[in-house]
Amino acid sequence: MPNPTRAFLLGPLLKGVSRSFYLTLRVLPAGMRDPIGLAYLLARAADTIADTSLISPQQRLALLLSLREQVNGAPRDSALFQRMAAEVAAQQEQSDEKLLLESLEPALDVLAQLSDSDRQAVRDIVTTLTEGMEFDLRTFPDEQSGEIAALNVYDELDRYTYLVAGCVGEFWTTMTYAHMPGTLKEQPATMQRRGVRFGKALQLTNVLRDCGKDLRIGRCYLPQSMLVELNLSAQDLLLPANSVRARPLMIELVRKTLAHFREALDYTLAIPAWSVRLRLACLWPILIGLDTLLLLVDNRAWLDPAQVSKVRRNDVYRIIASSLVLVPSNGLVRAAVEKRIRLIEARF
């Protein structure tokens, strides 16, 4: 008998809080949809808690750590969810975000219904993702303080991109081996490594795209060690006019991002051509990510939050439509990705 709560959480609610991810989820094979969709909902709820600036970072951290414990099987604390509804859900302007926070107890009930292996995989990915959110709350100042802090070295940024995205590539790979046995012909260790690089590519793209916005809430993910080489500080980056001075740093990070995207391409091509749905789910974010980087390297005011390098919705739909022709062919997929990489590198 169908479970209406499960159907609502992984249908209308998931669609409401992430239209783009919902498109990806719908093309996945059936067995992968529930654990991946549920992991997304739990991580999105945690992220909403971590980002609700109308409550103090200390309160957010306490709620985040408590939610992590609940996901990992701590005795159910209904008072905690009531507190989340009162302190966090009430602050949400988007009704879908509010409804998600009010649906956490039912989401944990669905988690309990998963197989042992899927439940543990969801717990592991949500734990790692919330460690990335915890890192933000402990590293950066209160958004309302007017202060700004930068990461120290590139290794911190690399670790951060693993915590908030690289780990998703691992999780995705684990789900593929579990629910589509025999699909991936490469060794699991190879695909896990590529999956991590895939996630890092997407997150580094986000870091560069959102740099101007993040700076204005006190977060500079561009490492201080790299800024110093250009005689810049995090505070200097608040001036959009310094986009030109900071461009060499941006280009260096774009180079690292492209190296990750090449691994993401290898990941995608390791999926057999007949597994069209799984290939599409990988190909779309690669193409959208590379188009974002192309906009970025052409943007002479990339530090200006009013001129963010974002792929337009109509262009996303164009990418999705064109990918249907590319996806069955290794040659066409490789050509489409490498063409974008060459266009980006030509701007250096």
C-alpha atoms as a PDB file:
ATOM      1  CA  MET A   1       0.000   0.000   0.000  1.00  0.00           C
ATOM      2  CA  PRO A   2       1.446   3.422  -0.961  1.00  0.00           C
ATOM      3  CA  ASN A   3       2.699   5.565   1.910  1.00  0.00           C
ATOM      4  CA  PRO A   4       1.090   9.029   1.498  1.00  0.00           C
ATOM      5  CA  THR A   5       3.598  10.752   3.813  1.00  0.00           C
ATOM      6  CA  ARG A   6       6.539   9.315   1.892  1.00  0.00           C
ATOM      7  CA  ALA A   7       4.893  10.257  -1.414  1.00  0.00           C
ATOM      8  CA  PHE A   8       4.348  13.847  -0.260  1.00  0.00           C
ATOM      9  CA  LEU A   9       7.859  14.317   1.136  1.00  0.00           C
ATOM     10  CA  LEU A  10       9.605  12.888  -1.923  1.00  0.00           C
ATOM     11  CA  GLY A  11       7.144  14.415  -4.388  1.00  0.00           C
ATOM     12  CA  PRO A  12       5.523  17.847  -3.921  1.00  0.00           C
ATOM     13  CA  LEU A  13       7.692  18.937  -0.976  1.00  0.00           C
ATOM     14  CA  LEU A  14      10.978  17.967  -2.634  1.00  0.00           C
ATOM     15  CA  LYS A  15       9.857  19.690  -5.836  1.00  0.00           C
ATOM     16  CA  GLY A  16       8.958  22.807  -3.866  1.00  0.00           C
ATOM     17  CA  VAL A  17      12.343  23.205  -2.169  1.00  0.00           C
ATOM     18  CA  SER A  18      14.482  22.312  -5.184  1.00  0.00           C
ATOM     19  CA  ARG A  19      13.072  22.461  -8.680  1.00  0.00           C
ATOM     20  CA  SER A  20      16.424  21.858 -10.396  1.00  0.00           C
ATOM     21  CA  PHE A  21      17.432  18.903  -8.213  1.00  0.00           C
ATOM     22  CA  TYR A  22      13.924  17.482  -8.563  1.00  0.00           C
ATOM     23  CA  LEU A  23      14.456  17.360 -12.340  1.00  0.00           C
ATOM     24  CA  THR A  24      17.643  15.367 -11.793  1.00  0.00           C
ATOM     25  CA  LEU A  25      15.967  13.071  -9.291  1.00  0.00           C
ATOM     26  CA  ARG A  26      13.123  12.237 -11.642  1.00  0.00           C
ATOM     27  CA  VAL A  27      15.501  10.781 -14.228  1.00  0.00           C
ATOM     28  CA  LEU A  28      17.184   8.496 -11.686  1.00  0.00           C
ATOM     29  CA  PRO A  29      16.339   4.799 -11.544  1.00  0.00           C
ATOM     30  CA  ALA A  30      13.500   4.139  -9.087  1.00  0.00           C
ATOM     31  CA  GLY A  31      15.585   2.436  -6.368  1.00  0.00           C
ATOM     32  CA  MET A  32      17.900   5.423  -6.003  1.00  0.00           C
ATOM     33  CA  ARG A  33      15.215   8.106  -5.744  1.00  0.00           C
ATOM     34  CA  ASP A  34      14.026   7.593  -2.167  1.00  0.00           C
ATOM     35  CA  PRO A  35      17.388   7.523  -0.304  1.00  0.00           C
ATOM     36  CA  ILE A  36      18.857  10.338  -2.426  1.00  0.00           C
ATOM     37  CA  GLY A  37      15.685  12.425  -2.207  1.00  0.00           C
ATOM     38  CA  LEU A  38      15.438  11.936   1.547  1.00  0.00           C
ATOM     39  CA  ALA A  39      19.106  12.779   2.064  1.00  0.00           C
ATOM     40  CA  TYR A  40      18.542  15.972   0.090  1.00  0.00           C
ATOM     41  CA  LEU A  41      15.523  16.958   2.214  1.00  0.00           C
ATOM     42  CA  LEU A  42      17.354  16.379   5.502  1.00  0.00           C
ATOM     43  CA  ALA A  43      20.442  18.250   4.298  1.00  0.00           C
ATOM     44  CA  ARG A  44      18.300  21.093   2.948  1.00  0.00           C
ATOM     45  CA  ALA A  45      16.534  21.403   6.321  1.00  0.00           C
ATOM     46  CA  ALA A  46      19.904  21.482   8.108  1.00  0.00           C
ATOM     47  CA  ASP A  47      21.159  24.103   5.655  1.00  0.00           C
ATOM     48  CA  THR A  48      18.075  26.240   6.272  1.00  0.00           C
ATOM     49  CA  ILE A  49      18.776  26.099  10.009  1.00  0.00           C
ATOM     50  CA  ALA A  50      22.429  27.022   9.466  1.00  0.00           C
ATOM     51  CA  ASP A  51      21.535  29.952   7.178  1.00  0.00           C
ATOM     52  CA  THR A  52      18.730  31.550   9.203  1.00  0.00           C
ATOM     53  CA  SER A  53      20.559  34.727  10.161  1.00  0.00           C
ATOM     54  CA  LEU A  54      17.697  36.115  12.258  1.00  0.00           C
ATOM     55  CA  ILE A  55      18.745  33.768  15.053  1.00  0.00           C
ATOM     56  CA  SER A  56      22.230  33.720  16.567  1.00  0.00           C
ATOM     57  CA  PRO A  57      24.991  31.443  15.221  1.00  0.00           C
ATOM     58  CA  GLN A  58      25.143  29.776  18.657  1.00  0.00           C
ATOM     59  CA  GLN A  59      21.443  28.888  18.517  1.00  0.00           C
ATOM     60  CA  ARG A  60      21.762  27.651  14.949  1.00  0.00           C
ATOM     61  CA  LEU A  61      24.766  25.491  15.833  1.00  0.00           C
ATOM     62  CA  ALA A  62      22.942  23.939  18.792  1.00  0.00           C
ATOM     63  CA  LEU A  63      19.897  23.109  16.625  1.00  0.00           C
ATOM     64  CA  LEU A  64      22.106  21.773  13.828  1.00  0.00           C
ATOM     65  CA  LEU A  65      24.017  19.433  16.149  1.00  0.00           C
ATOM     66  CA  SER A  66      20.753  18.246  17.716  1.00  0.00           C
ATOM     67  CA  LEU A  67      19.271  17.507  14.295  1.00  0.00           C
ATOM     68  CA  ARG A  68      22.400  15.529  13.383  1.00  0.00           C
ATOM     69  CA  GLU A  69      21.929  13.428  16.528  1.00  0.00           C
ATOM     70  CA  GLN A  70      18.294  12.778  15.624  1.00  0.00           C
ATOM     71  CA  VAL A  71      19.246  11.684  12.109  1.00  0.00           C
ATOM     72  CA  ASN A  72      21.820   9.319  13.614  1.00  0.00           C
ATOM     73  CA  GLY A  73      19.246   7.569  15.766  1.00  0.00           C
ATOM     74  CA  ALA A  74      19.162   9.460  19.081  1.00  0.00           C
ATOM     75  CA  PRO A  75      15.895   8.974  21.042  1.00  0.00           C
ATOM     76  CA  ARG A  76      13.186  11.030  19.362  1.00  0.00           C
ATOM     77  CA  ASP A  77      12.985  14.525  20.804  1.00  0.00           C
ATOM     78  CA  SER A  78       9.627  16.014  19.804  1.00  0.00           C
ATOM     79  CA  ALA A  79      10.380  19.147  21.831  1.00  0.00           C
ATOM     80  CA  LEU A  80      13.378  19.770  19.563  1.00  0.00           C
ATOM     81  CA  PHE A  81      11.189  19.800  16.467  1.00  0.00           C
ATOM     82  CA  GLN A  82       8.704  22.092  18.167  1.00  0.00           C
ATOM     83  CA  ARG A  83      11.593  24.439  18.949  1.00  0.00           C
ATOM     84  CA  MET A  84      12.758  24.320  15.346  1.00  0.00           C
ATOM     85  CA  ALA A  85       9.256  25.208  14.197  1.00  0.00           C
ATOM     86  CA  ALA A  86       9.087  28.096  16.660  1.00  0.00           C
ATOM     87  CA  GLU A  87      12.622  29.468  16.192  1.00  0.00           C
ATOM     88  CA  VAL A  88      13.478  28.667  12.588  1.00  0.00           C
ATOM     89  CA  ALA A  89      10.410  27.736  10.549  1.00  0.00           C
ATOM     90  CA  ALA A  90       8.610  30.909  11.635  1.00  0.00           C
ATOM     91  CA  GLN A  91      11.458  32.985  10.131  1.00  0.00           C
ATOM     92  CA  GLN A  92      11.166  31.507   6.631  1.00  0.00           C
ATOM     93  CA  GLU A  93       9.783  33.677   3.869  1.00  0.00           C
ATOM     94  CA  GLN A  94       9.396  30.684   1.547  1.00  0.00           C
ATOM     95  CA  SER A  95       6.423  28.541   2.536  1.00  0.00           C
ATOM     96  CA  ASP A  96       8.088  25.371   1.195  1.00  0.00           C
ATOM     97  CA  GLU A  97      11.105  25.890   3.481  1.00  0.00           C
ATOM     98  CA  LYS A  98       8.763  26.401   6.428  1.00  0.00           C
ATOM     99  CA  LEU A  99       6.849  23.246   5.548  1.00  0.00           C
ATOM    100  CA  LEU A 100      10.097  21.275   5.248  1.00  0.00           C
ATOM    101  CA  LEU A 101      11.177  22.246   8.770  1.00  0.00           C
ATOM    102  CA  GLU A 102       7.735  21.316  10.074  1.00  0.00           C
ATOM    103  CA  SER A 103       8.006  17.913   8.329  1.00  0.00           C
ATOM    104  CA  LEU A 104      11.257  16.728   9.900  1.00  0.00           C
ATOM    105  CA  GLU A 105       9.669  14.162  12.222  1.00  0.00           C
ATOM    106  CA  PRO A 106       7.817  12.464   9.328  1.00  0.00           C
ATOM    107  CA  ALA A 107      11.057  12.568   7.318  1.00  0.00           C
ATOM    108  CA  LEU A 108      12.841  10.675  10.119  1.00  0.00           C
ATOM    109  CA  ASP A 109      10.013   8.126  10.071  1.00  0.00           C
ATOM    110  CA  VAL A 110      10.690   7.590   6.358  1.00  0.00           C
ATOM    111  CA  LEU A 111      14.418   7.271   7.129  1.00  0.00           C
ATOM    112  CA  ALA A 112      13.596   4.457   9.565  1.00  0.00           C
ATOM    113  CA  GLN A 113      11.748   2.622   6.766  1.00  0.00           C
ATOM    114  CA  LEU A 114      14.777   2.460   4.455  1.00  0.00           C
ATOM    115  CA  SER A 115      16.919  -0.656   4.241  1.00  0.00           C
ATOM    116  CA  ASP A 116      19.757  -0.848   6.783  1.00  0.00           C
ATOM    117  CA  SER A 117      22.402  -0.039   4.168  1.00  0.00           C
ATOM    118  CA  ASP A 118      20.473   2.878   2.659  1.00  0.00           C
ATOM    119  CA  ARG A 119      19.643   4.276   6.092  1.00  0.00           C
ATOM    120  CA  GLN A 120      23.308   4.208   7.107  1.00  0.00           C
ATOM    121  CA  ALA A 121      24.374   5.823   3.828  1.00  0.00           C
ATOM    122  CA  VAL A 122      21.850   8.643   4.341  1.00  0.00           C
ATOM    123  CA  ARG A 123      23.040   9.120   7.918  1.00  0.00           C
ATOM    124  CA  ASP A 124      26.662   9.265   6.781  1.00  0.00           C
ATOM    125  CA  ILE A 125      26.053  11.865   4.060  1.00  0.00           C
ATOM    126  CA  VAL A 126      23.882  14.078   6.276  1.00  0.00           C
ATOM    127  CA  THR A 127      26.518  13.886   9.022  1.00  0.00           C
ATOM    128  CA  THR A 128      29.297  14.966   6.670  1.00  0.00           C
ATOM    129  CA  LEU A 129      27.239  17.747   5.097  1.00  0.00           C
ATOM    130  CA  THR A 130      26.311  19.136   8.500  1.00  0.00           C
ATOM    131  CA  GLU A 131      30.018  19.103   9.418  1.00  0.00           C
ATOM    132  CA  GLY A 132      30.482  21.533   6.527  1.00  0.00           C
ATOM    133  CA  MET A 133      27.683  23.736   7.889  1.00  0.00           C
ATOM    134  CA  GLU A 134      29.223  23.517  11.356  1.00  0.00           C
ATOM    135  CA  PHE A 135      32.533  24.629   9.838  1.00  0.00           C
ATOM    136  CA  ASP A 136      30.831  27.751   8.451  1.00  0.00           C
ATOM    137  CA  LEU A 137      29.194  28.620  11.759  1.00  0.00           C
ATOM    138  CA  ARG A 138      32.419  28.158  13.731  1.00  0.00           C
ATOM    139  CA  THR A 139      34.764  29.801  11.198  1.00  0.00           C
ATOM    140  CA  PHE A 140      32.936  32.925  10.096  1.00  0.00           C
ATOM    141  CA  PRO A 141      31.469  35.835  12.107  1.00  0.00           C
ATOM    142  CA  ASP A 142      27.786  36.537  12.654  1.00  0.00           C
ATOM    143  CA  GLU A 143      26.321  37.843   9.384  1.00  0.00           C
ATOM    144  CA  GLN A 144      25.011  40.892  11.241  1.00  0.00           C
ATOM    145  CA  SER A 145      28.390  41.841  12.761  1.00  0.00           C
ATOM    146  CA  GLY A 146      29.863  43.692   9.788  1.00  0.00           C
ATOM    147  CA  GLU A 147      33.059  41.679  10.212  1.00  0.00           C
ATOM    148  CA  ILE A 148      34.680  39.452   7.601  1.00  0.00           C
ATOM    149  CA  ALA A 149      36.960  36.422   7.844  1.00  0.00           C
ATOM    150  CA  ALA A 150      38.861  34.440   5.221  1.00  0.00           C
ATOM    151  CA  LEU A 151      40.032  30.864   5.056  1.00  0.00           C
ATOM    152  CA  ASN A 152      43.781  30.617   5.633  1.00  0.00           C
ATOM    153  CA  VAL A 153      45.108  28.285   2.929  1.00  0.00           C
ATOM    154  CA  TYR A 154      43.873  26.377  -0.116  1.00  0.00           C
ATOM    155  CA  ASP A 155      43.836  23.086   1.802  1.00  0.00           C
ATOM    156  CA  GLU A 156      41.060  24.518   3.999  1.00  0.00           C
ATOM    157  CA  LEU A 157      39.029  25.377   0.913  1.00  0.00           C
ATOM    158  CA  ASP A 158      39.685  21.928  -0.541  1.00  0.00           C
ATOM    159  CA  ARG A 159      38.529  20.280   2.686  1.00  0.00           C
ATOM    160  CA  TYR A 160      35.458  22.501   2.788  1.00  0.00           C
ATOM    161  CA  THR A 161      34.476  21.575  -0.773  1.00  0.00           C
ATOM    162  CA  TYR A 162      34.685  17.918   0.246  1.00  0.00           C
ATOM    163  CA  LEU A 163      32.468  18.426   3.299  1.00  0.00           C
ATOM    164  CA  VAL A 164      29.722  20.244   1.430  1.00  0.00           C
ATOM    165  CA  ALA A 165      29.842  18.584  -2.004  1.00  0.00           C
ATOM    166  CA  GLY A 166      32.640  16.083  -2.586  1.00  0.00           C
ATOM    167  CA  CYS A 167      31.028  13.732  -0.107  1.00  0.00           C
ATOM    168  CA  VAL A 168      27.858  13.832  -2.226  1.00  0.00           C
ATOM    169  CA  GLY A 169      29.828  12.275  -5.084  1.00  0.00           C
ATOM    170  CA  GLU A 170      30.808   9.433  -2.748  1.00  0.00           C
ATOM    171  CA  PHE A 171      27.205   8.985  -1.632  1.00  0.00           C
ATOM    172  CA  TRP A 172      25.931   9.040  -5.208  1.00  0.00           C
ATOM    173  CA  THR A 173      28.472   6.387  -6.170  1.00  0.00           C
ATOM    174  CA  THR A 174      27.542   4.218  -3.191  1.00  0.00           C
ATOM    175  CA  MET A 175      23.869   4.402  -4.202  1.00  0.00           C
ATOM    176  CA  THR A 176      24.709   3.473  -7.795  1.00  0.00           C
ATOM    177  CA  TYR A 177      26.661   0.358  -6.806  1.00  0.00           C
ATOM    178  CA  ALA A 178      23.904  -0.605  -4.345  1.00  0.00           C
ATOM    179  CA  HIS A 179      20.880  -0.073  -6.590  1.00  0.00           C
ATOM    180  CA  MET A 180      22.321  -0.629 -10.063  1.00  0.00           C
ATOM    181  CA  PRO A 181      24.792  -3.508  -9.580  1.00  0.00           C
ATOM    182  CA  GLY A 182      26.909  -4.196 -12.624  1.00  0.00           C
ATOM    183  CA  THR A 183      26.312  -0.748 -14.127  1.00  0.00           C
ATOM    184  CA  LEU A 184      29.669   0.796 -13.272  1.00  0.00           C
ATOM    185  CA  LYS A 185      32.519  -1.227 -14.753  1.00  0.00           C
ATOM    186  CA  GLU A 186      35.302   0.728 -13.061  1.00  0.00           C
ATOM    187  CA  GLN A 187      36.602  -0.233  -9.632  1.00  0.00           C
ATOM    188  CA  PRO A 188      34.597   1.332  -6.755  1.00  0.00           C
ATOM    189  CA  ALA A 189      37.683   3.131  -5.393  1.00  0.00           C
ATOM    190  CA  THR A 190      38.262   4.795  -8.782  1.00  0.00           C
ATOM    191  CA  MET A 191      34.642   5.907  -9.068  1.00  0.00           C
ATOM    192  CA  GLN A 192      34.565   7.137  -5.469  1.00  0.00           C
ATOM    193  CA  ARG A 193      37.651   9.284  -6.128  1.00  0.00           C
ATOM    194  CA  ARG A 194      36.139  10.678  -9.303  1.00  0.00           C
ATOM    195  CA  GLY A 195      32.851  11.244  -7.505  1.00  0.00           C
ATOM    196  CA  VAL A 196      34.606  13.358  -4.879  1.00  0.00           C
ATOM    197  CA  ARG A 197      36.280  15.408  -7.635  1.00  0.00           C
ATOM    198  CA  PHE A 198      32.893  15.795  -9.341  1.00  0.00           C
ATOM    199  CA  GLY A 199      31.374  17.295  -6.200  1.00  0.00           C
ATOM    200  CA  LYS A 200      34.359  19.557  -5.623  1.00  0.00           C
ATOM    201  CA  ALA A 201      34.060  20.884  -9.189  1.00  0.00           C
ATOM    202  CA  LEU A 202      30.473  21.939  -8.592  1.00  0.00           C
ATOM    203  CA  GLN A 203      31.200  23.515  -5.199  1.00  0.00           C
ATOM    204  CA  LEU A 204      34.254  25.461  -6.369  1.00  0.00           C
ATOM    205  CA  THR A 205      32.076  26.800  -9.181  1.00  0.00           C
ATOM    206  CA  ASN A 206      29.520  27.918  -6.585  1.00  0.00           C
ATOM    207  CA  VAL A 207      32.226  29.513  -4.401  1.00  0.00           C
ATOM    208  CA  LEU A 208      33.501  31.612  -7.305  1.00  0.00           C
ATOM    209  CA  ARG A 209      30.046  32.495  -8.593  1.00  0.00           C
ATOM    210  CA  ASP A 210      28.754  33.548  -5.162  1.00  0.00           C
ATOM    211  CA  CYS A 211      31.914  35.264  -3.913  1.00  0.00           C
ATOM    212  CA  GLY A 212      30.455  38.792  -3.943  1.00  0.00           C
ATOM    213  CA  LYS A 213      27.358  37.735  -2.024  1.00  0.00           C
ATOM    214  CA  ASP A 214      29.290  35.653   0.523  1.00  0.00           C
ATOM    215  CA  LEU A 215      31.703  38.502   1.245  1.00  0.00           C
ATOM    216  CA  ARG A 216      28.767  40.650   2.319  1.00  0.00           C
ATOM    217  CA  ILE A 217      27.783  38.179   5.016  1.00  0.00           C
ATOM    218  CA  GLY A 218      31.363  38.033   6.310  1.00  0.00           C
ATOM    219  CA  ARG A 219      32.527  34.887   4.489  1.00  0.00           C
ATOM    220  CA  CYS A 220      35.599  34.863   2.272  1.00  0.00           C
ATOM    221  CA  TYR A 221      36.285  31.376   0.943  1.00  0.00           C
ATOM    222  CA  LEU A 222      39.211  32.669  -1.123  1.00  0.00           C
ATOM    223  CA  PRO A 223      42.286  31.714   0.948  1.00  0.00           C
ATOM    224  CA  GLN A 224      44.245  34.472   2.669  1.00  0.00           C
ATOM    225  CA  SER A 225      47.516  32.906   1.493  1.00  0.00           C
ATOM    226  CA  MET A 226      46.441  33.422  -2.135  1.00  0.00           C
ATOM    227  CA  LEU A 227      45.142  36.947  -1.499  1.00  0.00           C
ATOM    228  CA  VAL A 228      48.438  38.016   0.084  1.00  0.00           C
ATOM    229  CA  GLU A 229      50.288  37.128  -3.116  1.00  0.00           C
ATOM    230  CA  LEU A 230      48.212  39.819  -4.874  1.00  0.00           C
ATOM    231  CA  ASN A 231      48.538  42.330  -2.014  1.00  0.00           C
ATOM    232  CA  LEU A 232      44.821  41.965  -1.322  1.00  0.00           C
ATOM    233  CA  SER A 233      42.773  41.378   1.807  1.00  0.00           C
ATOM    234  CA  ALA A 234      39.284  39.969   2.224  1.00  0.00           C
ATOM    235  CA  GLN A 235      38.115  43.516   2.959  1.00  0.00           C
ATOM    236  CA  ASP A 236      39.523  44.694  -0.400  1.00  0.00           C
ATOM    237  CA  LEU A 237      37.279  42.225  -2.227  1.00  0.00           C
ATOM    238  CA  LEU A 238      34.202  44.131  -1.055  1.00  0.00           C
ATOM    239  CA  LEU A 239      35.063  46.706  -3.704  1.00  0.00           C
ATOM    240  CA  PRO A 240      33.816  45.411  -7.084  1.00  0.00           C
ATOM    241  CA  ALA A 241      36.502  47.544  -8.725  1.00  0.00           C
ATOM    242  CA  ASN A 242      39.046  45.074  -7.331  1.00  0.00           C
ATOM    243  CA  SER A 243      37.626  42.341  -9.572  1.00  0.00           C
ATOM    244  CA  VAL A 244      40.456  43.006 -12.024  1.00  0.00           C
ATOM    245  CA  ARG A 245      43.167  42.871  -9.343  1.00  0.00           C
ATOM    246  CA  ALA A 246      41.729  39.617  -7.995  1.00  0.00           C
ATOM    247  CA  ARG A 247      41.293  38.031 -11.432  1.00  0.00           C
ATOM    248  CA  PRO A 248      44.582  36.037 -11.303  1.00  0.00           C
ATOM    249  CA  LEU A 249      43.351  34.330  -8.131  1.00  0.00           C
ATOM    250  CA  MET A 250      40.003  33.591  -9.777  1.00  0.00           C
ATOM    251  CA  ILE A 251      41.773  32.149 -12.821  1.00  0.00           C
ATOM    252  CA  GLU A 252      43.969  29.919 -10.630  1.00  0.00           C
ATOM    253  CA  LEU A 253      40.880  28.532  -8.883  1.00  0.00           C
ATOM    254  CA  VAL A 254      39.089  28.085 -12.222  1.00  0.00           C
ATOM    255  CA  ARG A 255      42.048  25.989 -13.412  1.00  0.00           C
ATOM    256  CA  LYS A 256      41.685  23.749 -10.353  1.00  0.00           C
ATOM    257  CA  THR A 257      37.946  23.546 -10.971  1.00  0.00           C
ATOM    258  CA  LEU A 258      38.455  22.480 -14.592  1.00  0.00           C
ATOM    259  CA  ALA A 259      40.802  19.713 -13.453  1.00  0.00           C
ATOM    260  CA  HIS A 260      37.976  18.475 -11.234  1.00  0.00           C
ATOM    261  CA  PHE A 261      35.501  18.726 -14.129  1.00  0.00           C
ATOM    262  CA  ARG A 262      37.746  16.528 -16.276  1.00  0.00           C
ATOM    263  CA  GLU A 263      37.425  13.842 -13.594  1.00  0.00           C
ATOM    264  CA  ALA A 264      33.655  14.441 -13.596  1.00  0.00           C
ATOM    265  CA  LEU A 265      33.653  13.790 -17.347  1.00  0.00           C
ATOM    266  CA  ASP A 266      35.530  10.503 -16.821  1.00  0.00           C
ATOM    267  CA  TYR A 267      32.983   9.610 -14.128  1.00  0.00           C
ATOM    268  CA  THR A 268      30.125  10.212 -16.561  1.00  0.00           C
ATOM    269  CA  LEU A 269      31.727   8.264 -19.401  1.00  0.00           C
ATOM    270  CA  ALA A 270      32.231   5.290 -17.074  1.00  0.00           C
ATOM    271  CA  ILE A 271      28.437   4.985 -16.978  1.00  0.00           C
ATOM    272  CA  PRO A 272      27.289   2.746 -19.857  1.00  0.00           C
ATOM    273  CA  ALA A 273      25.533   4.507 -22.741  1.00  0.00           C
ATOM    274  CA  TRP A 274      22.415   2.424 -22.140  1.00  0.00           C
ATOM    275  CA  SER A 275      22.022   3.902 -18.664  1.00  0.00           C
ATOM    276  CA  VAL A 276      20.630   7.113 -20.118  1.00  0.00           C
ATOM    277  CA  ARG A 277      18.929   8.358 -16.947  1.00  0.00           C
ATOM    278  CA  LEU A 278      22.053   8.043 -14.815  1.00  0.00           C
ATOM    279  CA  ARG A 279      24.184   9.665 -17.498  1.00  0.00           C
ATOM    280  CA  LEU A 280      21.804  12.604 -17.811  1.00  0.00           C
ATOM    281  CA  ALA A 281      21.819  13.119 -14.040  1.00  0.00           C
ATOM    282  CA  CYS A 282      25.614  13.556 -14.260  1.00  0.00           C
ATOM    283  CA  LEU A 283      25.836  15.399 -17.570  1.00  0.00           C
ATOM    284  CA  TRP A 284      23.432  18.227 -16.703  1.00  0.00           C
ATOM    285  CA  PRO A 285      25.395  19.648 -13.739  1.00  0.00           C
ATOM    286  CA  ILE A 286      28.670  19.379 -15.693  1.00  0.00           C
ATOM    287  CA  LEU A 287      27.323  21.393 -18.624  1.00  0.00           C
ATOM    288  CA  ILE A 288      25.593  23.950 -16.405  1.00  0.00           C
ATOM    289  CA  GLY A 289      28.709  24.261 -14.235  1.00  0.00           C
ATOM    290  CA  LEU A 290      31.008  24.819 -17.209  1.00  0.00           C
ATOM    291  CA  ASP A 291      28.631  27.390 -18.707  1.00  0.00           C
ATOM    292  CA  THR A 292      28.707  29.160 -15.341  1.00  0.00           C
ATOM    293  CA  LEU A 293      32.510  29.248 -15.402  1.00  0.00           C
ATOM    294  CA  LEU A 294      32.436  30.644 -18.940  1.00  0.00           C
ATOM    295  CA  LEU A 295      30.202  33.487 -17.747  1.00  0.00           C
ATOM    296  CA  LEU A 296      32.528  33.996 -14.784  1.00  0.00           C
ATOM    297  CA  VAL A 297      35.751  34.342 -16.772  1.00  0.00           C
ATOM    298  CA  ASP A 298      33.979  36.807 -19.101  1.00  0.00           C
ATOM    299  CA  ASN A 299      32.706  38.845 -16.131  1.00  0.00           C
ATOM    300  CA  ARG A 300      35.000  41.811 -15.449  1.00  0.00           C
ATOM    301  CA  ALA A 301      32.989  42.636 -12.308  1.00  0.00           C
ATOM    302  CA  TRP A 302      32.802  39.117 -10.908  1.00  0.00           C
ATOM    303  CA  LEU A 303      33.049  40.372  -7.307  1.00  0.00           C
ATOM    304  CA  ASP A 304      29.948  42.552  -7.733  1.00  0.00           C
ATOM    305  CA  PRO A 305      26.918  40.755  -6.237  1.00  0.00           C
ATOM    306  CA  ALA A 306      24.704  42.681  -8.649  1.00  0.00           C
ATOM    307  CA  GLN A 307      26.479  41.051 -11.613  1.00  0.00           C
ATOM    308  CA  VAL A 308      26.517  37.404 -10.579  1.00  0.00           C
ATOM    309  CA  SER A 309      27.557  34.891 -13.269  1.00  0.00           C
ATOM    310  CA  LYS A 310      24.466  32.719 -13.347  1.00  0.00           C
ATOM    311  CA  VAL A 311      23.111  30.559 -16.168  1.00  0.00           C
ATOM    312  CA  ARG A 312      19.605  31.721 -17.074  1.00  0.00           C
ATOM    313  CA  ARG A 313      16.639  29.409 -16.684  1.00  0.00           C
ATOM    314  CA  ASN A 314      15.993  29.338 -20.437  1.00  0.00           C
ATOM    315  CA  ASP A 315      19.608  28.324 -21.020  1.00  0.00           C
ATOM    316  CA  VAL A 316      19.235  25.500 -18.490  1.00  0.00           C
ATOM    317  CA  TYR A 317      16.268  24.194 -20.476  1.00  0.00           C
ATOM    318  CA  ARG A 318      18.333  24.500 -23.671  1.00  0.00           C
ATOM    319  CA  ILE A 319      21.127  22.451 -22.090  1.00  0.00           C
ATOM    320  CA  ILE A 320      18.652  19.788 -20.984  1.00  0.00           C
ATOM    321  CA  ALA A 321      17.098  19.566 -24.461  1.00  0.00           C
ATOM    322  CA  SER A 322      20.433  19.392 -26.296  1.00  0.00           C
ATOM    323  CA  SER A 323      21.807  16.785 -23.894  1.00  0.00           C
ATOM    324  CA  LEU A 324      19.192  14.262 -25.026  1.00  0.00           C
ATOM    325  CA  VAL A 325      21.018  14.058 -28.357  1.00  0.00           C
ATOM    326  CA  LEU A 326      24.484  13.914 -26.789  1.00  0.00           C
ATOM    327  CA  VAL A 327      23.969  11.426 -23.989  1.00  0.00           C
ATOM    328  CA  PRO A 328      24.045   8.091 -25.898  1.00  0.00           C
ATOM    329  CA  SER A 329      27.420   8.884 -27.486  1.00  0.00           C
ATOM    330  CA  ASN A 330      30.748   8.955 -25.643  1.00  0.00           C
ATOM    331  CA  GLY A 331      32.228  11.009 -28.455  1.00  0.00           C
ATOM    332  CA  LEU A 332      29.491  13.647 -28.422  1.00  0.00           C
ATOM    333  CA  VAL A 333      29.518  13.930 -24.636  1.00  0.00           C
ATOM    334  CA  ARG A 334      33.303  14.326 -24.573  1.00  0.00           C
ATOM    335  CA  ALA A 335      33.228  16.846 -27.418  1.00  0.00           C
ATOM    336  CA  ALA A 336      30.544  18.991 -25.729  1.00  0.00           C
ATOM    337  CA  VAL A 337      32.444  19.084 -22.434  1.00  0.00           C
ATOM    338  CA  GLU A 338      35.905  19.626 -23.924  1.00  0.00           C
ATOM    339  CA  LYS A 339      34.608  22.407 -26.186  1.00  0.00           C
ATOM    340  CA  ARG A 340      33.398  24.302 -23.121  1.00  0.00           C
ATOM    341  CA  ILE A 341      36.694  23.726 -21.321  1.00  0.00           C
ATOM    342  CA  ARG A 342      38.647  25.071 -24.315  1.00  0.00           C
ATOM    343  CA  LEU A 343      36.427  28.177 -24.489  1.00  0.00           C
ATOM    344  CA  ILE A 344      37.091  28.858 -20.807  1.00  0.00           C
ATOM    345  CA  GLU A 345      40.848  28.293 -21.085  1.00  0.00           C
ATOM    346  CA  ALA A 346      41.008  30.611 -24.098  1.00  0.00           C
ATOM    347  CA  ARG A 347      39.966  33.462 -21.766  1.00  0.00           C
ATOM    348  CA  PHE A 348      42.943  32.992 -19.443  1.00  0.00           C
END
